[in-house]
Amino acid sequence: MVELEGTYAHRPDRIPRAMSSVLPLAIRPATPTDAAGIASLSGELGYPVAVETLADRLDRVLARVGDVVLVAEAGGDVVGWIHGSEQEFLESGSRCELLGLVVDARQRGQGVGRRLVAAVEAWAARRGLELVSVRSNVARAESHPFYERLGYARVKTQHAYRKRLDLRQ
């Protein structure tokens, strides 16, 4: 368990109502029983998903050795999650990529995201991966300073393209 004690000691006016007392925070591996909490937070991120659909995806991801899904739990509730994945690129080798990170809006600014990222970085280091990368949508301007404060450097800007395939053929 990681205590959030002292996080707002210098700015008591910024303590969210839900955090008016010290709230223990645990970072732990996700389990199938976390699907509802992860689905709810995914909706906050702008990716609404049915719990059953997310549960199926979570089962598949948890079965992959090169992926890690961690949750932040406070007061028995999932208040954040992160998905990291070992990727091997022909042109640049292996690295860990942060594929998803979301923290409950009521818990942001309290170190939850920072702790989740640190936990995936530790996982990546144990796997011998020297580089962690993350892609952040330009529309999520509040995320960019977060990653920069954690030591991530912006290395490029790119366009993202998608094409939906017709699987009925």
C-alpha atoms as a PDB file:
ATOM      1  CA  MET A   1       0.000   0.000   0.000  1.00  0.00           C
ATOM      2  CA  VAL A   2       1.195   3.483  -0.809  1.00  0.00           C
ATOM      3  CA  GLU A   3      -0.045   6.342   1.318  1.00  0.00           C
ATOM      4  CA  LEU A   4      -1.055   9.613  -0.297  1.00  0.00           C
ATOM      5  CA  GLU A   5      -0.357  11.352   2.988  1.00  0.00           C
ATOM      6  CA  GLY A   6       1.288  14.702   2.527  1.00  0.00           C
ATOM      7  CA  THR A   7       0.327  15.056  -1.136  1.00  0.00           C
ATOM      8  CA  TYR A   8      -1.670  18.203  -0.403  1.00  0.00           C
ATOM      9  CA  ALA A   9       0.094  19.330   2.766  1.00  0.00           C
ATOM     10  CA  HIS A  10       1.172  22.570   1.098  1.00  0.00           C
ATOM     11  CA  ARG A  11      -2.236  23.272  -0.506  1.00  0.00           C
ATOM     12  CA  PRO A  12      -5.028  22.079   1.813  1.00  0.00           C
ATOM     13  CA  ASP A  13      -7.505  24.151  -0.227  1.00  0.00           C
ATOM     14  CA  ARG A  14      -6.965  21.745  -3.146  1.00  0.00           C
ATOM     15  CA  ILE A  15      -7.887  18.562  -1.267  1.00  0.00           C
ATOM     16  CA  PRO A  16     -10.847  16.998  -3.083  1.00  0.00           C
ATOM     17  CA  ARG A  17     -13.808  16.241  -0.863  1.00  0.00           C
ATOM     18  CA  ALA A  18     -13.261  12.498  -1.373  1.00  0.00           C
ATOM     19  CA  MET A  19      -9.677  12.877  -0.130  1.00  0.00           C
ATOM     20  CA  SER A  20     -10.299  14.900   3.011  1.00  0.00           C
ATOM     21  CA  SER A  21      -8.594  12.134   5.003  1.00  0.00           C
ATOM     22  CA  VAL A  22      -5.563  10.014   4.186  1.00  0.00           C
ATOM     23  CA  LEU A  23      -6.591   7.444   1.592  1.00  0.00           C
ATOM     24  CA  PRO A  24      -4.458   4.317   1.202  1.00  0.00           C
ATOM     25  CA  LEU A  25      -3.639   3.606  -2.422  1.00  0.00           C
ATOM     26  CA  ALA A  26      -2.609   0.173  -3.668  1.00  0.00           C
ATOM     27  CA  ILE A  27      -1.086  -0.435  -7.097  1.00  0.00           C
ATOM     28  CA  ARG A  28      -1.634  -4.055  -8.058  1.00  0.00           C
ATOM     29  CA  PRO A  29      -1.999  -6.309 -11.093  1.00  0.00           C
ATOM     30  CA  ALA A  30      -5.455  -6.194 -12.619  1.00  0.00           C
ATOM     31  CA  THR A  31      -7.675  -9.244 -12.322  1.00  0.00           C
ATOM     32  CA  PRO A  32     -10.801 -10.223 -14.260  1.00  0.00           C
ATOM     33  CA  THR A  33     -12.909  -8.896 -11.369  1.00  0.00           C
ATOM     34  CA  ASP A  34     -11.634  -5.376 -12.157  1.00  0.00           C
ATOM     35  CA  ALA A  35     -13.417  -5.285 -15.529  1.00  0.00           C
ATOM     36  CA  ALA A  36     -16.324  -3.101 -14.338  1.00  0.00           C
ATOM     37  CA  GLY A  37     -14.028  -0.507 -12.780  1.00  0.00           C
ATOM     38  CA  ILE A  38     -11.738  -0.437 -15.802  1.00  0.00           C
ATOM     39  CA  ALA A  39     -14.731  -0.131 -18.143  1.00  0.00           C
ATOM     40  CA  SER A  40     -16.128   2.770 -16.145  1.00  0.00           C
ATOM     41  CA  LEU A  41     -12.832   4.633 -16.248  1.00  0.00           C
ATOM     42  CA  SER A  42     -12.441   3.900 -19.968  1.00  0.00           C
ATOM     43  CA  GLY A  43     -15.713   5.745 -20.474  1.00  0.00           C
ATOM     44  CA  GLU A  44     -14.227   8.734 -18.644  1.00  0.00           C
ATOM     45  CA  LEU A  45     -11.337   8.653 -21.085  1.00  0.00           C
ATOM     46  CA  GLY A  46     -13.806   8.855 -23.974  1.00  0.00           C
ATOM     47  CA  TYR A  47     -13.880   5.162 -24.837  1.00  0.00           C
ATOM     48  CA  PRO A  48     -17.190   3.823 -23.530  1.00  0.00           C
ATOM     49  CA  VAL A  49     -17.230   0.039 -23.492  1.00  0.00           C
ATOM     50  CA  ALA A  50     -19.647  -2.565 -22.149  1.00  0.00           C
ATOM     51  CA  VAL A  51     -18.327  -4.424 -19.120  1.00  0.00           C
ATOM     52  CA  GLU A  52     -18.702  -7.784 -20.887  1.00  0.00           C
ATOM     53  CA  THR A  53     -16.694  -6.567 -23.880  1.00  0.00           C
ATOM     54  CA  LEU A  54     -13.984  -5.146 -21.663  1.00  0.00           C
ATOM     55  CA  ALA A  55     -13.904  -8.344 -19.603  1.00  0.00           C
ATOM     56  CA  ASP A  56     -13.218 -10.375 -22.764  1.00  0.00           C
ATOM     57  CA  ARG A  57     -10.450  -7.975 -23.824  1.00  0.00           C
ATOM     58  CA  LEU A  58      -8.949  -7.956 -20.334  1.00  0.00           C
ATOM     59  CA  ASP A  59      -8.845 -11.769 -20.254  1.00  0.00           C
ATOM     60  CA  ARG A  60      -6.928 -11.826 -23.552  1.00  0.00           C
ATOM     61  CA  VAL A  61      -4.489  -9.090 -22.507  1.00  0.00           C
ATOM     62  CA  LEU A  62      -3.848 -10.653 -19.087  1.00  0.00           C
ATOM     63  CA  ALA A  63      -2.957 -13.923 -20.827  1.00  0.00           C
ATOM     64  CA  ARG A  64      -0.160 -12.241 -22.809  1.00  0.00           C
ATOM     65  CA  VAL A  65       3.274 -12.471 -21.198  1.00  0.00           C
ATOM     66  CA  GLY A  66       4.465  -9.227 -22.794  1.00  0.00           C
ATOM     67  CA  ASP A  67       1.646  -7.092 -21.396  1.00  0.00           C
ATOM     68  CA  VAL A  68       0.902  -5.726 -17.963  1.00  0.00           C
ATOM     69  CA  VAL A  69      -2.311  -4.169 -16.686  1.00  0.00           C
ATOM     70  CA  LEU A  70      -2.181  -2.543 -13.282  1.00  0.00           C
ATOM     71  CA  VAL A  71      -4.904  -0.863 -11.284  1.00  0.00           C
ATOM     72  CA  ALA A  72      -4.810   1.737  -8.555  1.00  0.00           C
ATOM     73  CA  GLU A  73      -7.244   0.825  -5.817  1.00  0.00           C
ATOM     74  CA  ALA A  74      -8.433   3.152  -3.069  1.00  0.00           C
ATOM     75  CA  GLY A  75     -11.197   2.449  -0.626  1.00  0.00           C
ATOM     76  CA  GLY A  76     -12.016  -0.788  -2.460  1.00  0.00           C
ATOM     77  CA  ASP A  77     -12.591   1.044  -5.763  1.00  0.00           C
ATOM     78  CA  VAL A  78     -10.501   1.027  -8.929  1.00  0.00           C
ATOM     79  CA  VAL A  79      -9.489   4.693  -9.290  1.00  0.00           C
ATOM     80  CA  GLY A  80      -7.007   4.244 -12.132  1.00  0.00           C
ATOM     81  CA  TRP A  81      -5.524   1.770 -14.547  1.00  0.00           C
ATOM     82  CA  ILE A  82      -2.566   1.494 -16.891  1.00  0.00           C
ATOM     83  CA  HIS A  83      -1.695  -0.908 -19.702  1.00  0.00           C
ATOM     84  CA  GLY A  84       1.918  -1.409 -20.722  1.00  0.00           C
ATOM     85  CA  SER A  85       3.152  -3.664 -23.479  1.00  0.00           C
ATOM     86  CA  GLU A  86       6.537  -4.877 -24.649  1.00  0.00           C
ATOM     87  CA  GLN A  87       6.799  -4.045 -28.325  1.00  0.00           C
ATOM     88  CA  GLU A  88       9.508  -5.081 -30.753  1.00  0.00           C
ATOM     89  CA  PHE A  89       9.999  -2.855 -33.766  1.00  0.00           C
ATOM     90  CA  LEU A  90      12.107  -3.973 -36.706  1.00  0.00           C
ATOM     91  CA  GLU A  91      13.654  -0.539 -37.096  1.00  0.00           C
ATOM     92  CA  SER A  92      14.269   0.377 -33.457  1.00  0.00           C
ATOM     93  CA  GLY A  93      14.213  -2.747 -31.297  1.00  0.00           C
ATOM     94  CA  SER A  94      12.290  -3.447 -28.117  1.00  0.00           C
ATOM     95  CA  ARG A  95      10.618  -0.995 -25.777  1.00  0.00           C
ATOM     96  CA  CYS A  96       7.677  -0.728 -23.461  1.00  0.00           C
ATOM     97  CA  GLU A  97       4.762   1.260 -24.760  1.00  0.00           C
ATOM     98  CA  LEU A  98       2.125   2.723 -22.485  1.00  0.00           C
ATOM     99  CA  LEU A  99      -1.058   1.807 -24.311  1.00  0.00           C
ATOM    100  CA  GLY A 100      -3.592   3.240 -21.890  1.00  0.00           C
ATOM    101  CA  LEU A 101      -3.687   5.260 -18.679  1.00  0.00           C
ATOM    102  CA  VAL A 102      -6.668   6.789 -16.956  1.00  0.00           C
ATOM    103  CA  VAL A 103      -7.301   8.072 -13.457  1.00  0.00           C
ATOM    104  CA  ASP A 104     -10.711   8.852 -12.014  1.00  0.00           C
ATOM    105  CA  ALA A 105     -11.360  12.578 -12.488  1.00  0.00           C
ATOM    106  CA  ARG A 106     -11.944  12.944  -8.728  1.00  0.00           C
ATOM    107  CA  GLN A 107      -8.504  11.468  -7.998  1.00  0.00           C
ATOM    108  CA  ARG A 108      -6.391  13.368 -10.524  1.00  0.00           C
ATOM    109  CA  GLY A 109      -3.565  15.511  -9.241  1.00  0.00           C
ATOM    110  CA  GLN A 110      -2.934  13.229  -6.262  1.00  0.00           C
ATOM    111  CA  GLY A 111      -0.091  11.133  -7.647  1.00  0.00           C
ATOM    112  CA  VAL A 112      -2.179   8.165  -8.796  1.00  0.00           C
ATOM    113  CA  GLY A 113      -1.087   8.437 -12.439  1.00  0.00           C
ATOM    114  CA  ARG A 114       2.521   9.026 -11.440  1.00  0.00           C
ATOM    115  CA  ARG A 115       2.493   5.876  -9.318  1.00  0.00           C
ATOM    116  CA  LEU A 116       0.916   3.821 -12.096  1.00  0.00           C
ATOM    117  CA  VAL A 117       3.519   4.986 -14.613  1.00  0.00           C
ATOM    118  CA  ALA A 118       6.333   4.276 -12.137  1.00  0.00           C
ATOM    119  CA  ALA A 119       5.004   0.750 -11.615  1.00  0.00           C
ATOM    120  CA  VAL A 120       5.007   0.038 -15.366  1.00  0.00           C
ATOM    121  CA  GLU A 121       8.488   1.553 -15.679  1.00  0.00           C
ATOM    122  CA  ALA A 122       9.680  -0.840 -12.960  1.00  0.00           C
ATOM    123  CA  TRP A 123       8.018  -3.753 -14.801  1.00  0.00           C
ATOM    124  CA  ALA A 124       9.752  -2.696 -18.039  1.00  0.00           C
ATOM    125  CA  ALA A 125      13.140  -2.392 -16.318  1.00  0.00           C
ATOM    126  CA  ARG A 126      12.766  -5.911 -14.863  1.00  0.00           C
ATOM    127  CA  ARG A 127      12.200  -7.129 -18.438  1.00  0.00           C
ATOM    128  CA  GLY A 128      15.412  -5.409 -19.567  1.00  0.00           C
ATOM    129  CA  LEU A 129      13.626  -2.719 -21.568  1.00  0.00           C
ATOM    130  CA  GLU A 130      15.553   0.554 -21.552  1.00  0.00           C
ATOM    131  CA  LEU A 131      12.923   2.729 -23.213  1.00  0.00           C
ATOM    132  CA  VAL A 132       9.299   3.508 -22.404  1.00  0.00           C
ATOM    133  CA  SER A 133       7.182   5.415 -24.893  1.00  0.00           C
ATOM    134  CA  VAL A 134       3.689   6.820 -24.838  1.00  0.00           C
ATOM    135  CA  ARG A 135       1.480   8.431 -27.452  1.00  0.00           C
ATOM    136  CA  SER A 136      -0.758  11.221 -26.250  1.00  0.00           C
ATOM    137  CA  ASN A 137      -3.537  12.675 -28.354  1.00  0.00           C
ATOM    138  CA  VAL A 138      -2.931  16.341 -29.134  1.00  0.00           C
ATOM    139  CA  ALA A 139      -6.481  16.986 -27.891  1.00  0.00           C
ATOM    140  CA  ARG A 140      -5.449  15.814 -24.391  1.00  0.00           C
ATOM    141  CA  ALA A 141      -3.412  18.929 -23.655  1.00  0.00           C
ATOM    142  CA  GLU A 142      -3.570  18.297 -19.896  1.00  0.00           C
ATOM    143  CA  SER A 143      -1.699  15.010 -20.363  1.00  0.00           C
ATOM    144  CA  HIS A 144       1.336  16.493 -22.085  1.00  0.00           C
ATOM    145  CA  PRO A 145       2.755  18.374 -19.065  1.00  0.00           C
ATOM    146  CA  PHE A 146       2.046  15.283 -16.925  1.00  0.00           C
ATOM    147  CA  TYR A 147       4.333  13.123 -19.048  1.00  0.00           C
ATOM    148  CA  GLU A 148       6.953  15.869 -19.324  1.00  0.00           C
ATOM    149  CA  ARG A 149       7.052  16.195 -15.513  1.00  0.00           C
ATOM    150  CA  LEU A 150       7.773  12.451 -15.404  1.00  0.00           C
ATOM    151  CA  GLY A 151      10.778  12.903 -17.682  1.00  0.00           C
ATOM    152  CA  TYR A 152       9.213  11.961 -21.023  1.00  0.00           C
ATOM    153  CA  ALA A 153      10.361  14.048 -23.992  1.00  0.00           C
ATOM    154  CA  ARG A 154       8.221  14.766 -27.021  1.00  0.00           C
ATOM    155  CA  VAL A 155      10.030  13.194 -29.958  1.00  0.00           C
ATOM    156  CA  LYS A 156       7.600  13.675 -32.823  1.00  0.00           C
ATOM    157  CA  THR A 157       4.145  14.685 -33.922  1.00  0.00           C
ATOM    158  CA  GLN A 158       2.294  12.442 -36.315  1.00  0.00           C
ATOM    159  CA  HIS A 159      -1.067  11.782 -37.894  1.00  0.00           C
ATOM    160  CA  ALA A 160      -2.994   8.640 -36.994  1.00  0.00           C
ATOM    161  CA  TYR A 161      -4.945   6.809 -39.662  1.00  0.00           C
ATOM    162  CA  ARG A 162      -7.529   4.062 -39.303  1.00  0.00           C
ATOM    163  CA  LYS A 163      -9.411   1.922 -41.745  1.00  0.00           C
ATOM    164  CA  ARG A 164     -12.321  -0.277 -40.742  1.00  0.00           C
ATOM    165  CA  LEU A 165     -12.189  -3.644 -42.497  1.00  0.00           C
ATOM    166  CA  ASP A 166     -15.270  -5.376 -43.833  1.00  0.00           C
ATOM    167  CA  LEU A 167     -15.013  -8.781 -42.168  1.00  0.00           C
ATOM    168  CA  ARG A 168     -18.124 -10.134 -43.949  1.00  0.00           C
ATOM    169  CA  GLN A 169     -16.139 -10.891 -47.120  1.00  0.00           C
END
